N, C-alpha and C. Protein backbone atom coordinates (compact mmCIF):
# COMPACT_ATOMS: atom_id res chain seq x y z
N MET A 1 37.14 -9.31 -49.83
CA MET A 1 37.01 -8.37 -48.76
C MET A 1 36.68 -9.16 -47.50
N THR A 2 37.29 -8.81 -46.41
CA THR A 2 37.08 -9.48 -45.14
C THR A 2 36.55 -8.46 -44.12
N ILE A 3 35.50 -8.85 -43.44
CA ILE A 3 34.95 -7.97 -42.41
C ILE A 3 35.38 -8.54 -41.08
N GLY A 4 36.04 -7.74 -40.31
CA GLY A 4 36.55 -8.20 -39.01
C GLY A 4 35.47 -8.12 -37.93
N SER A 5 35.72 -8.84 -36.86
CA SER A 5 34.79 -8.82 -35.73
C SER A 5 35.47 -8.19 -34.52
N GLY A 6 36.21 -7.16 -34.77
CA GLY A 6 36.94 -6.52 -33.69
C GLY A 6 36.05 -5.84 -32.66
N ASN A 7 34.80 -5.57 -32.96
CA ASN A 7 33.91 -4.89 -32.02
C ASN A 7 33.20 -5.83 -31.06
N ARG A 8 33.26 -7.13 -31.28
CA ARG A 8 32.53 -8.08 -30.42
C ARG A 8 32.95 -7.99 -28.96
N PRO A 9 34.22 -7.95 -28.61
CA PRO A 9 34.56 -7.84 -27.18
C PRO A 9 33.98 -6.57 -26.56
N ASN A 10 33.95 -5.48 -27.30
CA ASN A 10 33.39 -4.24 -26.78
C ASN A 10 31.88 -4.36 -26.55
N LEU A 11 31.18 -5.09 -27.44
CA LEU A 11 29.75 -5.29 -27.27
C LEU A 11 29.47 -6.11 -26.02
N ARG A 12 30.27 -7.15 -25.79
CA ARG A 12 30.08 -7.98 -24.60
C ARG A 12 30.33 -7.17 -23.34
N LEU A 13 31.37 -6.36 -23.35
CA LEU A 13 31.68 -5.54 -22.19
C LEU A 13 30.57 -4.53 -21.94
N GLY A 14 30.04 -3.94 -23.01
CA GLY A 14 28.94 -2.98 -22.87
C GLY A 14 27.70 -3.63 -22.30
N ALA A 15 27.37 -4.83 -22.76
CA ALA A 15 26.20 -5.54 -22.25
C ALA A 15 26.40 -5.91 -20.78
N ALA A 16 27.61 -6.34 -20.44
CA ALA A 16 27.89 -6.70 -19.05
C ALA A 16 27.78 -5.49 -18.15
N LEU A 17 28.30 -4.35 -18.58
CA LEU A 17 28.22 -3.14 -17.77
C LEU A 17 26.77 -2.66 -17.64
N THR A 18 26.00 -2.79 -18.70
CA THR A 18 24.59 -2.41 -18.63
C THR A 18 23.85 -3.28 -17.63
N GLY A 19 24.09 -4.59 -17.70
CA GLY A 19 23.46 -5.52 -16.75
C GLY A 19 23.88 -5.22 -15.33
N LEU A 20 25.15 -4.93 -15.12
CA LEU A 20 25.66 -4.60 -13.79
C LEU A 20 25.03 -3.30 -13.29
N GLY A 21 24.89 -2.33 -14.18
CA GLY A 21 24.27 -1.07 -13.80
C GLY A 21 22.81 -1.24 -13.40
N LEU A 22 22.08 -2.07 -14.14
CA LEU A 22 20.67 -2.32 -13.81
C LEU A 22 20.55 -3.05 -12.47
N ALA A 23 21.44 -4.02 -12.24
CA ALA A 23 21.41 -4.75 -10.96
C ALA A 23 21.70 -3.80 -9.80
N ALA A 24 22.68 -2.92 -9.97
CA ALA A 24 23.01 -1.96 -8.91
C ALA A 24 21.85 -1.01 -8.66
N ALA A 25 21.19 -0.57 -9.72
CA ALA A 25 20.05 0.34 -9.57
C ALA A 25 18.92 -0.33 -8.81
N MET A 26 18.69 -1.62 -9.07
CA MET A 26 17.63 -2.33 -8.37
C MET A 26 17.96 -2.49 -6.89
N LEU A 27 19.23 -2.72 -6.58
CA LEU A 27 19.64 -2.88 -5.19
C LEU A 27 19.57 -1.56 -4.42
N LEU A 28 19.83 -0.47 -5.10
CA LEU A 28 19.86 0.83 -4.44
C LEU A 28 18.51 1.54 -4.45
N ALA A 29 17.55 1.00 -5.17
CA ALA A 29 16.22 1.63 -5.23
C ALA A 29 15.58 1.62 -3.85
N PRO A 30 14.88 2.69 -3.50
CA PRO A 30 14.22 2.71 -2.19
C PRO A 30 13.16 1.62 -2.10
N VAL A 31 13.09 1.02 -0.95
CA VAL A 31 12.12 -0.04 -0.71
C VAL A 31 10.91 0.58 -0.02
N THR A 32 9.76 0.43 -0.62
CA THR A 32 8.52 0.94 -0.05
C THR A 32 7.77 -0.23 0.57
N PRO A 33 7.49 -0.15 1.87
CA PRO A 33 6.77 -1.26 2.49
C PRO A 33 5.36 -1.39 1.91
N VAL A 34 4.93 -2.61 1.76
CA VAL A 34 3.58 -2.87 1.27
C VAL A 34 2.67 -3.05 2.47
N HIS A 35 1.68 -2.20 2.57
CA HIS A 35 0.74 -2.28 3.68
C HIS A 35 -0.47 -3.08 3.25
N ALA A 36 -0.98 -3.86 4.18
CA ALA A 36 -2.19 -4.63 3.89
C ALA A 36 -3.33 -3.66 3.63
N GLN A 37 -4.09 -3.95 2.64
CA GLN A 37 -5.22 -3.09 2.32
C GLN A 37 -6.38 -3.41 3.26
N ALA A 38 -7.12 -2.37 3.57
CA ALA A 38 -8.30 -2.55 4.42
C ALA A 38 -9.38 -3.26 3.61
N GLY A 39 -10.09 -4.16 4.28
CA GLY A 39 -11.12 -4.94 3.61
C GLY A 39 -12.49 -4.30 3.71
N VAL A 40 -13.38 -4.74 2.85
CA VAL A 40 -14.76 -4.28 2.82
C VAL A 40 -15.66 -5.51 2.77
N VAL A 41 -16.69 -5.52 3.59
CA VAL A 41 -17.69 -6.58 3.55
C VAL A 41 -19.01 -5.94 3.15
N THR A 42 -19.65 -6.50 2.14
CA THR A 42 -20.96 -6.01 1.70
C THR A 42 -21.94 -7.18 1.68
N GLY A 43 -23.20 -6.88 1.82
CA GLY A 43 -24.20 -7.94 1.77
C GLY A 43 -25.60 -7.40 1.85
N THR A 44 -26.54 -8.32 1.84
CA THR A 44 -27.95 -7.99 1.95
C THR A 44 -28.56 -8.90 3.01
N VAL A 45 -29.26 -8.30 3.95
CA VAL A 45 -29.94 -9.06 5.00
C VAL A 45 -31.37 -9.33 4.52
N THR A 46 -31.75 -10.60 4.56
CA THR A 46 -33.11 -10.98 4.16
C THR A 46 -33.75 -11.85 5.23
N ASP A 47 -35.08 -11.91 5.20
CA ASP A 47 -35.78 -12.82 6.11
C ASP A 47 -35.87 -14.20 5.47
N ARG A 48 -36.55 -15.11 6.12
CA ARG A 48 -36.65 -16.49 5.63
C ARG A 48 -37.30 -16.59 4.25
N SER A 49 -38.17 -15.65 3.94
CA SER A 49 -38.85 -15.69 2.64
C SER A 49 -38.06 -14.98 1.55
N GLY A 50 -36.91 -14.39 1.92
CA GLY A 50 -36.07 -13.71 0.93
C GLY A 50 -36.33 -12.23 0.81
N GLU A 51 -37.24 -11.70 1.63
CA GLU A 51 -37.53 -10.26 1.61
C GLU A 51 -36.43 -9.51 2.36
N PRO A 52 -35.99 -8.36 1.84
CA PRO A 52 -34.93 -7.59 2.51
C PRO A 52 -35.39 -7.05 3.86
N LEU A 53 -34.44 -7.03 4.80
CA LEU A 53 -34.72 -6.51 6.14
C LEU A 53 -33.94 -5.22 6.35
N GLY A 54 -34.67 -4.12 6.47
CA GLY A 54 -34.05 -2.84 6.78
C GLY A 54 -33.82 -2.70 8.27
N SER A 55 -32.87 -1.89 8.64
CA SER A 55 -32.53 -1.60 10.04
C SER A 55 -32.09 -2.82 10.83
N ALA A 56 -31.55 -3.83 10.15
CA ALA A 56 -30.97 -4.97 10.85
C ALA A 56 -29.55 -4.60 11.27
N GLN A 57 -29.19 -4.92 12.49
CA GLN A 57 -27.84 -4.61 12.98
C GLN A 57 -26.89 -5.73 12.57
N VAL A 58 -25.86 -5.36 11.78
CA VAL A 58 -24.85 -6.31 11.32
C VAL A 58 -23.58 -6.00 12.11
N THR A 59 -23.06 -7.01 12.83
CA THR A 59 -21.91 -6.81 13.72
C THR A 59 -20.76 -7.72 13.33
N VAL A 60 -19.54 -7.20 13.46
CA VAL A 60 -18.32 -8.00 13.32
C VAL A 60 -17.83 -8.27 14.73
N PRO A 61 -18.12 -9.45 15.29
CA PRO A 61 -17.72 -9.74 16.67
C PRO A 61 -16.20 -9.64 16.83
N GLY A 62 -15.80 -9.17 18.00
CA GLY A 62 -14.37 -9.07 18.29
C GLY A 62 -13.73 -7.77 17.83
N LEU A 63 -14.37 -7.08 16.90
CA LEU A 63 -13.82 -5.81 16.42
C LEU A 63 -14.64 -4.62 16.87
N GLY A 64 -15.80 -4.89 17.45
CA GLY A 64 -16.65 -3.79 17.89
C GLY A 64 -17.20 -2.97 16.75
N ARG A 65 -17.32 -3.56 15.58
CA ARG A 65 -17.84 -2.85 14.41
C ARG A 65 -19.26 -3.30 14.15
N ALA A 66 -20.17 -2.35 14.00
CA ALA A 66 -21.57 -2.67 13.72
C ALA A 66 -22.14 -1.59 12.80
N ILE A 67 -23.12 -1.99 12.02
CA ILE A 67 -23.78 -1.06 11.11
C ILE A 67 -25.21 -1.55 10.91
N LEU A 68 -26.10 -0.64 10.53
CA LEU A 68 -27.49 -1.01 10.24
C LEU A 68 -27.67 -1.16 8.73
N SER A 69 -28.44 -2.16 8.33
CA SER A 69 -28.75 -2.32 6.92
C SER A 69 -29.74 -1.22 6.51
N ASP A 70 -29.71 -0.88 5.22
CA ASP A 70 -30.63 0.16 4.73
C ASP A 70 -32.01 -0.45 4.45
N ALA A 71 -32.90 0.34 3.88
CA ALA A 71 -34.28 -0.11 3.62
C ALA A 71 -34.33 -1.31 2.68
N ARG A 72 -33.30 -1.48 1.85
CA ARG A 72 -33.24 -2.63 0.93
C ARG A 72 -32.50 -3.81 1.55
N GLY A 73 -32.14 -3.68 2.84
CA GLY A 73 -31.42 -4.75 3.53
C GLY A 73 -29.93 -4.76 3.27
N GLN A 74 -29.44 -3.80 2.50
CA GLN A 74 -28.02 -3.79 2.12
C GLN A 74 -27.17 -3.11 3.18
N PHE A 75 -25.92 -3.59 3.30
CA PHE A 75 -24.98 -3.00 4.24
C PHE A 75 -23.57 -3.05 3.66
N VAL A 76 -22.73 -2.14 4.15
CA VAL A 76 -21.32 -2.09 3.77
C VAL A 76 -20.53 -1.80 5.04
N ILE A 77 -19.55 -2.64 5.33
CA ILE A 77 -18.64 -2.41 6.46
C ILE A 77 -17.26 -2.24 5.87
N ARG A 78 -16.69 -1.05 6.05
CA ARG A 78 -15.38 -0.73 5.45
C ARG A 78 -14.28 -0.72 6.51
N GLY A 79 -13.04 -0.76 6.03
CA GLY A 79 -11.88 -0.59 6.90
C GLY A 79 -11.57 -1.78 7.79
N LEU A 80 -11.92 -2.97 7.35
CA LEU A 80 -11.63 -4.16 8.15
C LEU A 80 -10.22 -4.67 7.85
N PRO A 81 -9.49 -5.10 8.88
CA PRO A 81 -8.20 -5.72 8.62
C PRO A 81 -8.40 -7.00 7.81
N ALA A 82 -7.39 -7.38 7.04
CA ALA A 82 -7.48 -8.60 6.25
C ALA A 82 -7.76 -9.79 7.15
N GLY A 83 -8.61 -10.69 6.71
CA GLY A 83 -8.94 -11.87 7.48
C GLY A 83 -10.30 -12.41 7.13
N ALA A 84 -10.68 -13.48 7.81
CA ALA A 84 -12.00 -14.09 7.62
C ALA A 84 -12.88 -13.69 8.80
N TYR A 85 -14.14 -13.41 8.52
CA TYR A 85 -15.05 -12.94 9.56
C TYR A 85 -16.37 -13.71 9.51
N THR A 86 -16.96 -13.87 10.67
CA THR A 86 -18.32 -14.37 10.80
C THR A 86 -19.15 -13.21 11.32
N LEU A 87 -20.19 -12.85 10.60
CA LEU A 87 -21.01 -11.71 10.99
C LEU A 87 -22.20 -12.17 11.82
N GLN A 88 -22.64 -11.28 12.71
CA GLN A 88 -23.86 -11.51 13.48
C GLN A 88 -24.90 -10.50 13.02
N VAL A 89 -26.13 -10.97 12.87
CA VAL A 89 -27.22 -10.08 12.45
C VAL A 89 -28.36 -10.18 13.45
N GLN A 90 -28.85 -9.01 13.88
CA GLN A 90 -29.97 -8.95 14.83
C GLN A 90 -31.04 -8.04 14.29
């Protein structure tokens, strides 16, 4: 008994068409722009002895953003553009 391989060309054609269909779908898929995520800076303000400082003003120079630390000296500044920042504390 001999088993023929007459279906092999059809399998190759099917695989090629599937690959072509996937490539076309990827090209036609809508492109969604990726927006930079807003950054968050958190920290704790302490004095020289390591004790937390409440009501310290923490400022991001150049952006006009400032916040006061809480009673535990902790602060959170949200919604910052991506980048590196140097904070000022008073």
